Amino acid sequence: MDVNIRRPDWRKLPLKWIFAVVCLALGLLLLYQVKGVLGPFFLGFLLAYLLNPFVEGLERYHLSRYKAIAVVFAVILAVLALAIFLILPVVYTELSKLALILPVIIQSITERIEMFRAHFKASGLPSRVALVLDQHLGQGEVVLAEHLNKFITNLPNVLSTVTFYILSPVITIYLLADWKKIGVRFFRLVPQRRRLGWRRVWQDINHTVRQFVRGDLVVAVIVGVLIGIGVKLVGMDYALLIGLICGVFDLIPYFGPVIGAVPSVLLALTKSPGMALKVALVILVVQQIEGNIISPKLMGDSVGLHPLWVMFALLAGGEIAGFWGMLLAVPVAAVIRVLLKHIYNKLVSPQV
């Protein structure tokens, strides 16, 4: 039985689509080759995306766009100057002290592990159990030492990376100046009959992501400040550093508070077990306040995702791109949700 299989006639494809596909492929290849320098551009775009509403708000007060951008950046520079004079010296001092005492901490932890190993060896445990515990403790000791040494080694790299990202504000200014033109040119790429639909999709994505990002940032700042003040009140050194760690990791839902609490409690443990317990209690109390009062008031159900989907997105993001994957997982999942919702509505109601 002969079956006539119709093959696509490539000659009938519009040249503009072939040209678009080739340009897209070449563009993605180029981006992959220069991925090491994309960080400042990505951060610049993110800053422009977050700051654009403030610029547009100032424009409503009859300021030109360039003057509005200047006002927004003047406020940001004033805040940064305050942070540099008040906060940065304290952070630098705490990091310097930490870098100096880390070798002592490693030695102290090693001695405690050895004491514990000697204790359970003499405790009369079955030889098989004692051997397994001894092996796992030895492995844990090696892994902990490697991670702490890696942290010390990478401190200069972190500082150089921060310097590299100084380009981002300049990129942000250029993007903000041409933000409206960029939007117009983007929608011109879409066929005229589909532009209205794409604008609706973009407005929904824009609303969801912006609501989540702003709420998440405000909550993280509040949590970081409260934890920093709390651990300072209980007498812990490195209060600012602990507040920064907990605030940054609080940007990651569900898992972030736990990830941020681990180094904070370990840092307190170097002072005393009692101090570690106090720091853990401070973090626990602040997280309860955040979960029951701060987040519901500021964010609510900002992305409309079920907690199970949020957890899956976080785990998938962490598997794909580590810390940054977990940080961006929820906004990306929210964007996918909006896109799927519009596709579903399009399929169910083609006339819309």
C-alpha atoms as a PDB file:
ATOM      1  CA  MET A   1       0.000   0.000   0.000  1.00  0.00           C
ATOM      2  CA  ASP A   2       1.480   3.273  -1.146  1.00  0.00           C
ATOM      3  CA  VAL A   3       1.281   6.155   1.209  1.00  0.00           C
ATOM      4  CA  ASN A   4       1.921   9.601  -0.161  1.00  0.00           C
ATOM      5  CA  ILE A   5       3.768  11.602   2.426  1.00  0.00           C
ATOM      6  CA  ARG A   6       3.623  15.308   1.817  1.00  0.00           C
ATOM      7  CA  ARG A   7       6.912  16.958   2.524  1.00  0.00           C
ATOM      8  CA  PRO A   8       7.107  20.656   3.323  1.00  0.00           C
ATOM      9  CA  ASP A   9       8.173  22.798   0.407  1.00  0.00           C
ATOM     10  CA  TRP A  10      10.957  24.886   1.922  1.00  0.00           C
ATOM     11  CA  ARG A  11      10.868  27.170  -1.109  1.00  0.00           C
ATOM     12  CA  LYS A  12       7.419  28.409  -0.068  1.00  0.00           C
ATOM     13  CA  LEU A  13       8.548  29.512   3.400  1.00  0.00           C
ATOM     14  CA  PRO A  14       8.671  33.316   3.650  1.00  0.00           C
ATOM     15  CA  LEU A  15      12.233  34.578   3.541  1.00  0.00           C
ATOM     16  CA  LYS A  16      11.591  36.754   6.611  1.00  0.00           C
ATOM     17  CA  TRP A  17      10.918  33.667   8.761  1.00  0.00           C
ATOM     18  CA  ILE A  18      14.080  31.938   7.547  1.00  0.00           C
ATOM     19  CA  PHE A  19      16.013  35.148   8.208  1.00  0.00           C
ATOM     20  CA  ALA A  20      14.455  35.456  11.716  1.00  0.00           C
ATOM     21  CA  VAL A  21      15.299  31.856  12.639  1.00  0.00           C
ATOM     22  CA  VAL A  22      18.902  32.231  11.419  1.00  0.00           C
ATOM     23  CA  CYS A  23      19.329  35.509  13.318  1.00  0.00           C
ATOM     24  CA  LEU A  24      17.842  33.969  16.472  1.00  0.00           C
ATOM     25  CA  ALA A  25      20.155  30.945  16.274  1.00  0.00           C
ATOM     26  CA  LEU A  26      23.224  33.133  15.693  1.00  0.00           C
ATOM     27  CA  GLY A  27      22.167  35.460  18.504  1.00  0.00           C
ATOM     28  CA  LEU A  28      21.764  32.596  20.986  1.00  0.00           C
ATOM     29  CA  LEU A  29      25.141  31.182  19.942  1.00  0.00           C
ATOM     30  CA  LEU A  30      26.768  34.582  20.469  1.00  0.00           C
ATOM     31  CA  LEU A  31      25.139  34.976  23.890  1.00  0.00           C
ATOM     32  CA  TYR A  32      26.383  31.540  24.899  1.00  0.00           C
ATOM     33  CA  GLN A  33      29.929  32.434  23.840  1.00  0.00           C
ATOM     34  CA  VAL A  34      29.940  35.680  25.868  1.00  0.00           C
ATOM     35  CA  LYS A  35      27.856  34.435  28.830  1.00  0.00           C
ATOM     36  CA  GLY A  36      30.634  35.433  31.245  1.00  0.00           C
ATOM     37  CA  VAL A  37      29.995  39.159  30.652  1.00  0.00           C
ATOM     38  CA  LEU A  38      26.184  39.066  30.610  1.00  0.00           C
ATOM     39  CA  GLY A  39      25.813  39.468  34.392  1.00  0.00           C
ATOM     40  CA  PRO A  40      25.997  43.310  34.493  1.00  0.00           C
ATOM     41  CA  PHE A  41      23.595  43.559  31.531  1.00  0.00           C
ATOM     42  CA  PHE A  42      21.101  41.216  33.176  1.00  0.00           C
ATOM     43  CA  LEU A  43      21.315  43.168  36.450  1.00  0.00           C
ATOM     44  CA  GLY A  44      21.018  46.444  34.519  1.00  0.00           C
ATOM     45  CA  PHE A  45      17.848  45.224  32.794  1.00  0.00           C
ATOM     46  CA  LEU A  46      16.411  44.023  36.120  1.00  0.00           C
ATOM     47  CA  LEU A  47      17.115  47.398  37.759  1.00  0.00           C
ATOM     48  CA  ALA A  48      15.576  49.250  34.814  1.00  0.00           C
ATOM     49  CA  TYR A  49      12.506  47.010  34.989  1.00  0.00           C
ATOM     50  CA  LEU A  50      12.074  47.715  38.721  1.00  0.00           C
ATOM     51  CA  LEU A  51      12.859  51.443  38.548  1.00  0.00           C
ATOM     52  CA  ASN A  52      10.801  52.276  35.456  1.00  0.00           C
ATOM     53  CA  PRO A  53       7.505  52.670  37.427  1.00  0.00           C
ATOM     54  CA  PHE A  54       9.171  55.267  39.686  1.00  0.00           C
ATOM     55  CA  VAL A  55      10.435  57.161  36.640  1.00  0.00           C
ATOM     56  CA  GLU A  56       6.976  57.058  35.047  1.00  0.00           C
ATOM     57  CA  GLY A  57       5.444  58.202  38.338  1.00  0.00           C
ATOM     58  CA  LEU A  58       7.702  61.269  38.362  1.00  0.00           C
ATOM     59  CA  GLU A  59       6.839  61.951  34.711  1.00  0.00           C
ATOM     60  CA  ARG A  60       3.208  62.377  35.784  1.00  0.00           C
ATOM     61  CA  TYR A  61       4.384  65.404  37.806  1.00  0.00           C
ATOM     62  CA  HIS A  62       5.441  67.053  34.511  1.00  0.00           C
ATOM     63  CA  LEU A  63       9.113  66.123  34.762  1.00  0.00           C
ATOM     64  CA  SER A  64      10.911  65.126  31.593  1.00  0.00           C
ATOM     65  CA  ARG A  65      12.045  61.494  31.441  1.00  0.00           C
ATOM     66  CA  TYR A  66      15.718  62.428  31.780  1.00  0.00           C
ATOM     67  CA  LYS A  67      15.022  64.607  34.827  1.00  0.00           C
ATOM     68  CA  ALA A  68      12.925  61.815  36.362  1.00  0.00           C
ATOM     69  CA  ILE A  69      15.792  59.348  35.853  1.00  0.00           C
ATOM     70  CA  ALA A  70      18.190  61.866  37.429  1.00  0.00           C
ATOM     71  CA  VAL A  71      15.922  62.248  40.491  1.00  0.00           C
ATOM     72  CA  VAL A  72      15.557  58.466  40.935  1.00  0.00           C
ATOM     73  CA  PHE A  73      19.317  57.930  40.707  1.00  0.00           C
ATOM     74  CA  ALA A  74      20.016  60.867  43.024  1.00  0.00           C
ATOM     75  CA  VAL A  75      17.863  59.181  45.687  1.00  0.00           C
ATOM     76  CA  ILE A  76      19.589  55.831  45.060  1.00  0.00           C
ATOM     77  CA  LEU A  77      23.047  57.433  45.275  1.00  0.00           C
ATOM     78  CA  ALA A  78      22.086  59.150  48.546  1.00  0.00           C
ATOM     79  CA  VAL A  79      20.964  55.805  50.014  1.00  0.00           C
ATOM     80  CA  LEU A  80      24.116  54.076  48.734  1.00  0.00           C
ATOM     81  CA  ALA A  81      26.328  56.823  50.144  1.00  0.00           C
ATOM     82  CA  LEU A  82      24.639  56.387  53.522  1.00  0.00           C
ATOM     83  CA  ALA A  83      25.133  52.621  53.300  1.00  0.00           C
ATOM     84  CA  ILE A  84      28.795  53.007  52.309  1.00  0.00           C
ATOM     85  CA  PHE A  85      29.577  55.338  55.203  1.00  0.00           C
ATOM     86  CA  LEU A  86      27.526  53.524  57.843  1.00  0.00           C
ATOM     87  CA  ILE A  87      27.270  49.871  56.812  1.00  0.00           C
ATOM     88  CA  LEU A  88      30.142  48.957  54.485  1.00  0.00           C
ATOM     89  CA  PRO A  89      32.939  49.642  57.011  1.00  0.00           C
ATOM     90  CA  VAL A  90      31.183  47.419  59.568  1.00  0.00           C
ATOM     91  CA  VAL A  91      30.693  44.617  57.014  1.00  0.00           C
ATOM     92  CA  TYR A  92      34.320  44.876  55.907  1.00  0.00           C
ATOM     93  CA  THR A  93      35.522  44.770  59.523  1.00  0.00           C
ATOM     94  CA  GLU A  94      33.342  41.758  60.327  1.00  0.00           C
ATOM     95  CA  LEU A  95      34.484  39.889  57.199  1.00  0.00           C
ATOM     96  CA  SER A  96      38.127  40.664  57.987  1.00  0.00           C
ATOM     97  CA  LYS A  97      37.713  39.373  61.554  1.00  0.00           C
ATOM     98  CA  LEU A  98      35.934  36.288  60.260  1.00  0.00           C
ATOM     99  CA  ALA A  99      38.655  35.577  57.698  1.00  0.00           C
ATOM    100  CA  LEU A 100      41.263  35.800  60.463  1.00  0.00           C
ATOM    101  CA  ILE A 101      39.498  33.508  62.919  1.00  0.00           C
ATOM    102  CA  LEU A 102      38.233  30.941  60.399  1.00  0.00           C
ATOM    103  CA  PRO A 103      41.430  28.847  60.615  1.00  0.00           C
ATOM    104  CA  VAL A 104      41.025  28.849  64.420  1.00  0.00           C
ATOM    105  CA  ILE A 105      37.372  27.846  64.003  1.00  0.00           C
ATOM    106  CA  ILE A 106      38.340  24.993  61.689  1.00  0.00           C
ATOM    107  CA  GLN A 107      40.908  23.796  64.215  1.00  0.00           C
ATOM    108  CA  SER A 108      38.382  24.031  67.062  1.00  0.00           C
ATOM    109  CA  ILE A 109      35.751  22.099  65.107  1.00  0.00           C
ATOM    110  CA  THR A 110      38.324  19.455  64.194  1.00  0.00           C
ATOM    111  CA  GLU A 111      39.324  19.040  67.850  1.00  0.00           C
ATOM    112  CA  ARG A 112      35.676  18.708  68.945  1.00  0.00           C
ATOM    113  CA  ILE A 113      34.994  16.104  66.270  1.00  0.00           C
ATOM    114  CA  GLU A 114      38.066  14.146  67.343  1.00  0.00           C
ATOM    115  CA  MET A 115      36.945  14.305  70.996  1.00  0.00           C
ATOM    116  CA  PHE A 116      33.490  13.088  70.001  1.00  0.00           C
ATOM    117  CA  ARG A 117      34.978  10.238  67.963  1.00  0.00           C
ATOM    118  CA  ALA A 118      37.156   9.202  70.876  1.00  0.00           C
ATOM    119  CA  HIS A 119      34.145   9.364  73.199  1.00  0.00           C
ATOM    120  CA  PHE A 120      31.859   7.084  71.219  1.00  0.00           C
ATOM    121  CA  LYS A 121      34.737   4.670  70.493  1.00  0.00           C
ATOM    122  CA  ALA A 122      35.092   4.219  74.264  1.00  0.00           C
ATOM    123  CA  SER A 123      31.332   4.100  74.864  1.00  0.00           C
ATOM    124  CA  GLY A 124      30.952   0.373  74.214  1.00  0.00           C
ATOM    125  CA  LEU A 125      29.071   0.667  70.908  1.00  0.00           C
ATOM    126  CA  PRO A 126      29.219  -2.389  68.604  1.00  0.00           C
ATOM    127  CA  SER A 127      32.406  -2.264  66.530  1.00  0.00           C
ATOM    128  CA  ARG A 128      30.470  -2.188  63.258  1.00  0.00           C
ATOM    129  CA  VAL A 129      28.368   0.816  64.329  1.00  0.00           C
ATOM    130  CA  ALA A 130      31.432   2.610  65.709  1.00  0.00           C
ATOM    131  CA  LEU A 131      33.290   2.042  62.434  1.00  0.00           C
ATOM    132  CA  VAL A 132      30.437   3.451  60.313  1.00  0.00           C
ATOM    133  CA  LEU A 133      30.054   6.507  62.568  1.00  0.00           C
ATOM    134  CA  ASP A 134      33.792   7.087  62.526  1.00  0.00           C
ATOM    135  CA  GLN A 135      33.908   6.965  58.730  1.00  0.00           C
ATOM    136  CA  HIS A 136      30.996   9.391  58.331  1.00  0.00           C
ATOM    137  CA  LEU A 137      32.399  11.829  60.883  1.00  0.00           C
ATOM    138  CA  GLY A 138      35.749  11.738  59.109  1.00  0.00           C
ATOM    139  CA  GLN A 139      34.074  12.480  55.788  1.00  0.00           C
ATOM    140  CA  GLY A 140      32.021  15.286  57.331  1.00  0.00           C
ATOM    141  CA  GLU A 141      35.153  16.808  58.831  1.00  0.00           C
ATOM    142  CA  VAL A 142      36.897  16.836  55.441  1.00  0.00           C
ATOM    143  CA  VAL A 143      33.877  18.339  53.649  1.00  0.00           C
ATOM    144  CA  LEU A 144      33.460  21.071  56.307  1.00  0.00           C
ATOM    145  CA  ALA A 145      37.145  21.992  56.152  1.00  0.00           C
ATOM    146  CA  GLU A 146      37.036  22.122  52.356  1.00  0.00           C
ATOM    147  CA  HIS A 147      33.990  24.415  52.341  1.00  0.00           C
ATOM    148  CA  LEU A 148      35.443  26.793  54.933  1.00  0.00           C
ATOM    149  CA  ASN A 149      38.774  26.963  53.108  1.00  0.00           C
ATOM    150  CA  LYS A 150      36.940  27.546  49.845  1.00  0.00           C
ATOM    151  CA  PHE A 151      35.041  30.426  51.470  1.00  0.00           C
ATOM    152  CA  ILE A 152      38.325  32.076  52.541  1.00  0.00           C
ATOM    153  CA  THR A 153      39.857  31.569  49.090  1.00  0.00           C
ATOM    154  CA  ASN A 154      36.842  33.009  47.259  1.00  0.00           C
ATOM    155  CA  LEU A 155      36.559  36.231  49.291  1.00  0.00           C
ATOM    156  CA  PRO A 156      38.865  38.189  46.879  1.00  0.00           C
ATOM    157  CA  ASN A 157      36.898  36.825  43.899  1.00  0.00           C
ATOM    158  CA  VAL A 158      33.650  38.051  45.454  1.00  0.00           C
ATOM    159  CA  LEU A 159      35.075  41.560  45.818  1.00  0.00           C
ATOM    160  CA  SER A 160      36.315  41.578  42.202  1.00  0.00           C
ATOM    161  CA  THR A 161      32.884  40.384  40.997  1.00  0.00           C
ATOM    162  CA  VAL A 162      31.178  43.219  42.894  1.00  0.00           C
ATOM    163  CA  THR A 163      33.549  45.672  41.166  1.00  0.00           C
ATOM    164  CA  PHE A 164      32.641  44.150  37.780  1.00  0.00           C
ATOM    165  CA  TYR A 165      28.940  44.821  38.433  1.00  0.00           C
ATOM    166  CA  ILE A 166      29.554  48.569  38.844  1.00  0.00           C
ATOM    167  CA  LEU A 167      28.763  48.766  35.100  1.00  0.00           C
ATOM    168  CA  SER A 168      25.138  47.811  35.810  1.00  0.00           C
ATOM    169  CA  PRO A 169      23.881  51.296  36.889  1.00  0.00           C
ATOM    170  CA  VAL A 170      25.278  52.825  33.668  1.00  0.00           C
ATOM    171  CA  ILE A 171      23.475  50.154  31.620  1.00  0.00           C
ATOM    172  CA  THR A 172      20.324  50.842  33.666  1.00  0.00           C
ATOM    173  CA  ILE A 173      20.398  54.562  32.787  1.00  0.00           C
ATOM    174  CA  TYR A 174      20.649  53.834  29.052  1.00  0.00           C
ATOM    175  CA  LEU A 175      17.838  51.280  29.248  1.00  0.00           C
ATOM    176  CA  LEU A 176      15.567  53.624  31.229  1.00  0.00           C
ATOM    177  CA  ALA A 177      16.154  56.436  28.754  1.00  0.00           C
ATOM    178  CA  ASP A 178      15.005  54.244  25.837  1.00  0.00           C
ATOM    179  CA  TRP A 179      12.528  52.020  27.733  1.00  0.00           C
ATOM    180  CA  LYS A 180       9.460  53.207  25.803  1.00  0.00           C
ATOM    181  CA  LYS A 181      11.239  52.868  22.462  1.00  0.00           C
ATOM    182  CA  ILE A 182      12.360  49.341  23.402  1.00  0.00           C
ATOM    183  CA  GLY A 183       8.746  48.408  24.183  1.00  0.00           C
ATOM    184  CA  VAL A 184       7.472  49.838  20.893  1.00  0.00           C
ATOM    185  CA  ARG A 185      10.145  48.041  18.863  1.00  0.00           C
ATOM    186  CA  PHE A 186       9.451  44.776  20.667  1.00  0.00           C
ATOM    187  CA  PHE A 187       5.740  44.875  19.834  1.00  0.00           C
ATOM    188  CA  ARG A 188       6.529  45.775  16.217  1.00  0.00           C
ATOM    189  CA  LEU A 189       8.103  42.320  15.916  1.00  0.00           C
ATOM    190  CA  VAL A 190       4.639  40.851  16.560  1.00  0.00           C
ATOM    191  CA  PRO A 191       2.132  40.785  13.659  1.00  0.00           C
ATOM    192  CA  GLN A 192      -0.420  43.602  13.894  1.00  0.00           C
ATOM    193  CA  ARG A 193      -3.421  41.308  14.429  1.00  0.00           C
ATOM    194  CA  ARG A 194      -1.767  39.669  17.433  1.00  0.00           C
ATOM    195  CA  ARG A 195      -0.373  42.732  19.184  1.00  0.00           C
ATOM    196  CA  LEU A 196      -3.397  43.316  21.417  1.00  0.00           C
ATOM    197  CA  GLY A 197      -3.204  39.731  22.730  1.00  0.00           C
ATOM    198  CA  TRP A 198       0.521  39.995  23.346  1.00  0.00           C
ATOM    199  CA  ARG A 199       0.024  43.274  25.204  1.00  0.00           C
ATOM    200  CA  ARG A 200      -2.478  41.583  27.525  1.00  0.00           C
ATOM    201  CA  VAL A 201      -0.009  38.748  28.170  1.00  0.00           C
ATOM    202  CA  TRP A 202       2.785  41.224  28.892  1.00  0.00           C
ATOM    203  CA  GLN A 203       0.585  43.274  31.251  1.00  0.00           C
ATOM    204  CA  ASP A 204      -0.328  40.149  33.256  1.00  0.00           C
ATOM    205  CA  ILE A 205       3.323  38.997  33.431  1.00  0.00           C
ATOM    206  CA  ASN A 206       4.436  42.492  34.355  1.00  0.00           C
ATOM    207  CA  HIS A 207       1.881  42.797  37.161  1.00  0.00           C
ATOM    208  CA  THR A 208       2.629  39.347  38.637  1.00  0.00           C
ATOM    209  CA  VAL A 209       6.427  39.576  38.544  1.00  0.00           C
ATOM    210  CA  ARG A 210       6.607  43.161  39.765  1.00  0.00           C
ATOM    211  CA  GLN A 211       4.255  42.461  42.660  1.00  0.00           C
ATOM    212  CA  PHE A 212       6.285  39.438  43.722  1.00  0.00           C
ATOM    213  CA  VAL A 213       9.742  41.001  43.322  1.00  0.00           C
ATOM    214  CA  ARG A 214       8.889  44.187  45.196  1.00  0.00           C
ATOM    215  CA  GLY A 215       7.104  42.338  47.976  1.00  0.00           C
ATOM    216  CA  ASP A 216       9.916  39.804  48.286  1.00  0.00           C
ATOM    217  CA  LEU A 217      12.586  42.509  48.459  1.00  0.00           C
ATOM    218  CA  VAL A 218      10.724  44.502  51.131  1.00  0.00           C
ATOM    219  CA  VAL A 219      10.105  41.362  53.221  1.00  0.00           C
ATOM    220  CA  ALA A 220      13.774  40.303  52.918  1.00  0.00           C
ATOM    221  CA  VAL A 221      14.992  43.745  54.043  1.00  0.00           C
ATOM    222  CA  ILE A 222      12.640  43.735  57.055  1.00  0.00           C
ATOM    223  CA  VAL A 223      13.691  40.190  58.032  1.00  0.00           C
ATOM    224  CA  GLY A 224      17.393  41.019  57.688  1.00  0.00           C
ATOM    225  CA  VAL A 225      17.054  44.144  59.835  1.00  0.00           C
ATOM    226  CA  LEU A 226      15.012  42.384  62.547  1.00  0.00           C
ATOM    227  CA  ILE A 227      17.427  39.432  62.760  1.00  0.00           C
ATOM    228  CA  GLY A 228      20.448  41.756  62.806  1.00  0.00           C
ATOM    229  CA  ILE A 229      18.936  43.798  65.665  1.00  0.00           C
ATOM    230  CA  GLY A 230      17.837  40.638  67.502  1.00  0.00           C
ATOM    231  CA  VAL A 231      21.226  38.901  67.461  1.00  0.00           C
ATOM    232  CA  LYS A 232      22.908  42.164  68.484  1.00  0.00           C
ATOM    233  CA  LEU A 233      20.575  42.420  71.488  1.00  0.00           C
ATOM    234  CA  VAL A 234      21.489  38.897  72.634  1.00  0.00           C
ATOM    235  CA  GLY A 235      25.176  39.839  72.518  1.00  0.00           C
ATOM    236  CA  MET A 236      26.303  38.142  69.300  1.00  0.00           C
ATOM    237  CA  ASP A 237      29.177  39.526  67.216  1.00  0.00           C
ATOM    238  CA  TYR A 238      28.802  39.753  63.416  1.00  0.00           C
ATOM    239  CA  ALA A 239      25.197  40.979  63.820  1.00  0.00           C
ATOM    240  CA  LEU A 240      25.283  42.926  60.556  1.00  0.00           C
ATOM    241  CA  LEU A 241      26.795  39.994  58.669  1.00  0.00           C
ATOM    242  CA  ILE A 242      24.193  37.576  60.065  1.00  0.00           C
ATOM    243  CA  GLY A 243      21.401  40.028  59.186  1.00  0.00           C
ATOM    244  CA  LEU A 244      22.726  40.299  55.609  1.00  0.00           C
ATOM    245  CA  ILE A 245      23.022  36.517  55.235  1.00  0.00           C
ATOM    246  CA  CYS A 246      19.498  35.876  56.533  1.00  0.00           C
ATOM    247  CA  GLY A 247      18.034  38.757  54.490  1.00  0.00           C
ATOM    248  CA  VAL A 248      19.601  37.602  51.211  1.00  0.00           C
ATOM    249  CA  PHE A 249      18.566  33.965  51.652  1.00  0.00           C
ATOM    250  CA  ASP A 250      15.074  35.037  52.719  1.00  0.00           C
ATOM    251  CA  LEU A 251      14.542  35.998  49.061  1.00  0.00           C
ATOM    252  CA  ILE A 252      14.192  32.238  48.433  1.00  0.00           C
ATOM    253  CA  PRO A 253      10.762  31.038  49.658  1.00  0.00           C
ATOM    254  CA  TYR A 254      10.474  28.086  52.075  1.00  0.00           C
ATOM    255  CA  PHE A 255      14.105  26.877  51.910  1.00  0.00           C
ATOM    256  CA  GLY A 256      15.835  30.274  52.118  1.00  0.00           C
ATOM    257  CA  PRO A 257      15.284  30.908  55.852  1.00  0.00           C
ATOM    258  CA  VAL A 258      16.729  27.477  56.712  1.00  0.00           C
ATOM    259  CA  ILE A 259      19.721  27.949  54.381  1.00  0.00           C
ATOM    260  CA  GLY A 260      20.418  31.362  55.928  1.00  0.00           C
ATOM    261  CA  ALA A 261      20.006  30.082  59.495  1.00  0.00           C
ATOM    262  CA  VAL A 262      22.624  27.311  59.164  1.00  0.00           C
ATOM    263  CA  PRO A 263      25.742  29.533  58.688  1.00  0.00           C
ATOM    264  CA  SER A 264      24.375  32.031  61.235  1.00  0.00           C
ATOM    265  CA  VAL A 265      23.967  29.380  63.955  1.00  0.00           C
ATOM    266  CA  LEU A 266      27.337  27.806  63.089  1.00  0.00           C
ATOM    267  CA  LEU A 267      28.929  31.231  63.423  1.00  0.00           C
ATOM    268  CA  ALA A 268      27.309  31.661  66.849  1.00  0.00           C
ATOM    269  CA  LEU A 269      28.449  28.169  67.819  1.00  0.00           C
ATOM    270  CA  THR A 270      32.066  29.326  67.578  1.00  0.00           C
ATOM    271  CA  LYS A 271      31.328  31.597  70.540  1.00  0.00           C
ATOM    272  CA  SER A 272      29.338  29.125  72.661  1.00  0.00           C
ATOM    273  CA  PRO A 273      26.486  26.585  72.403  1.00  0.00           C
ATOM    274  CA  GLY A 274      24.323  28.946  74.477  1.00  0.00           C
ATOM    275  CA  MET A 275      24.882  31.773  71.977  1.00  0.00           C
ATOM    276  CA  ALA A 276      24.040  29.413  69.104  1.00  0.00           C
ATOM    277  CA  LEU A 277      20.735  28.614  70.846  1.00  0.00           C
ATOM    278  CA  LYS A 278      19.974  32.327  71.336  1.00  0.00           C
ATOM    279  CA  VAL A 279      20.683  33.133  67.667  1.00  0.00           C
ATOM    280  CA  ALA A 280      18.542  30.175  66.554  1.00  0.00           C
ATOM    281  CA  LEU A 281      15.673  31.431  68.740  1.00  0.00           C
ATOM    282  CA  VAL A 282      15.966  34.965  67.338  1.00  0.00           C
ATOM    283  CA  ILE A 283      15.836  33.633  63.771  1.00  0.00           C
ATOM    284  CA  LEU A 284      12.891  31.368  64.627  1.00  0.00           C
ATOM    285  CA  VAL A 285      10.903  34.215  66.231  1.00  0.00           C
ATOM    286  CA  VAL A 286      11.556  36.585  63.288  1.00  0.00           C
ATOM    287  CA  GLN A 287      10.589  33.893  60.782  1.00  0.00           C
ATOM    288  CA  GLN A 288       7.335  33.313  62.663  1.00  0.00           C
ATOM    289  CA  ILE A 289       6.626  37.057  62.569  1.00  0.00           C
ATOM    290  CA  GLU A 290       7.401  37.095  58.850  1.00  0.00           C
ATOM    291  CA  GLY A 291       5.247  34.063  58.045  1.00  0.00           C
ATOM    292  CA  ASN A 292       2.230  35.156  60.087  1.00  0.00           C
ATOM    293  CA  ILE A 293       2.282  38.946  59.882  1.00  0.00           C
ATOM    294  CA  ILE A 294       4.738  40.539  57.415  1.00  0.00           C
ATOM    295  CA  SER A 295       4.344  38.356  54.303  1.00  0.00           C
ATOM    296  CA  PRO A 296       0.521  38.117  54.393  1.00  0.00           C
ATOM    297  CA  LYS A 297       0.256  41.899  54.768  1.00  0.00           C
ATOM    298  CA  LEU A 298       2.813  42.852  52.100  1.00  0.00           C
ATOM    299  CA  MET A 299       2.552  40.030  49.582  1.00  0.00           C
ATOM    300  CA  GLY A 300      -0.524  37.862  50.031  1.00  0.00           C
ATOM    301  CA  ASP A 301      -0.827  35.288  47.267  1.00  0.00           C
ATOM    302  CA  SER A 302       1.231  37.423  44.900  1.00  0.00           C
ATOM    303  CA  VAL A 303       2.003  34.779  42.265  1.00  0.00           C
ATOM    304  CA  GLY A 304      -1.067  32.543  42.560  1.00  0.00           C
ATOM    305  CA  LEU A 305       0.989  29.340  42.698  1.00  0.00           C
ATOM    306  CA  HIS A 306       0.179  26.349  44.878  1.00  0.00           C
ATOM    307  CA  PRO A 307       2.865  25.722  47.554  1.00  0.00           C
ATOM    308  CA  LEU A 308       3.668  22.328  45.990  1.00  0.00           C
ATOM    309  CA  TRP A 309       4.409  23.981  42.646  1.00  0.00           C
ATOM    310  CA  VAL A 310       6.550  26.595  44.390  1.00  0.00           C
ATOM    311  CA  MET A 311       8.580  23.844  46.088  1.00  0.00           C
ATOM    312  CA  PHE A 312       8.970  21.979  42.800  1.00  0.00           C
ATOM    313  CA  ALA A 313      10.096  25.190  41.053  1.00  0.00           C
ATOM    314  CA  LEU A 314      12.644  25.878  43.808  1.00  0.00           C
ATOM    315  CA  LEU A 315      14.087  22.357  43.661  1.00  0.00           C
ATOM    316  CA  ALA A 316      14.186  22.414  39.857  1.00  0.00           C
ATOM    317  CA  GLY A 317      15.802  25.868  39.833  1.00  0.00           C
ATOM    318  CA  GLY A 318      18.412  24.773  42.375  1.00  0.00           C
ATOM    319  CA  GLU A 319      19.194  21.675  40.308  1.00  0.00           C
ATOM    320  CA  ILE A 320      19.584  23.691  37.094  1.00  0.00           C
ATOM    321  CA  ALA A 321      21.403  26.822  38.293  1.00  0.00           C
ATOM    322  CA  GLY A 322      22.172  26.530  42.016  1.00  0.00           C
ATOM    323  CA  PHE A 323      21.538  29.611  44.175  1.00  0.00           C
ATOM    324  CA  TRP A 324      20.521  31.847  41.257  1.00  0.00           C
ATOM    325  CA  GLY A 325      18.174  29.160  40.001  1.00  0.00           C
ATOM    326  CA  MET A 326      16.401  29.041  43.362  1.00  0.00           C
ATOM    327  CA  LEU A 327      16.299  32.846  43.526  1.00  0.00           C
ATOM    328  CA  LEU A 328      14.632  33.170  40.110  1.00  0.00           C
ATOM    329  CA  ALA A 329      12.556  29.979  40.255  1.00  0.00           C
ATOM    330  CA  VAL A 330       9.319  31.486  41.604  1.00  0.00           C
ATOM    331  CA  PRO A 331       9.147  34.517  39.234  1.00  0.00           C
ATOM    332  CA  VAL A 332       9.908  32.232  36.270  1.00  0.00           C
ATOM    333  CA  ALA A 333       7.239  29.766  37.430  1.00  0.00           C
ATOM    334  CA  ALA A 334       4.779  32.677  37.748  1.00  0.00           C
ATOM    335  CA  VAL A 335       5.557  33.788  34.178  1.00  0.00           C
ATOM    336  CA  ILE A 336       5.033  30.217  32.905  1.00  0.00           C
ATOM    337  CA  ARG A 337       1.709  30.110  34.770  1.00  0.00           C
ATOM    338  CA  VAL A 338       0.538  33.338  33.096  1.00  0.00           C
ATOM    339  CA  LEU A 339       1.591  32.070  29.650  1.00  0.00           C
ATOM    340  CA  LEU A 340      -0.153  28.709  30.138  1.00  0.00           C
ATOM    341  CA  LYS A 341      -3.296  30.493  31.349  1.00  0.00           C
ATOM    342  CA  HIS A 342      -3.420  32.648  28.205  1.00  0.00           C
ATOM    343  CA  ILE A 343      -2.715  29.651  25.943  1.00  0.00           C
ATOM    344  CA  TYR A 344      -5.508  27.709  27.635  1.00  0.00           C
ATOM    345  CA  ASN A 345      -7.943  30.605  27.259  1.00  0.00           C
ATOM    346  CA  LYS A 346      -6.949  30.920  23.599  1.00  0.00           C
ATOM    347  CA  LEU A 347      -7.588  27.226  22.959  1.00  0.00           C
ATOM    348  CA  VAL A 348     -10.894  27.172  24.844  1.00  0.00           C
ATOM    349  CA  SER A 349     -12.133  30.498  23.478  1.00  0.00           C
ATOM    350  CA  PRO A 350     -10.456  31.039  20.072  1.00  0.00           C
ATOM    351  CA  GLN A 351     -12.509  34.139  19.424  1.00  0.00           C
ATOM    352  CA  VAL A 352     -10.874  36.000  22.372  1.00  0.00           C
END
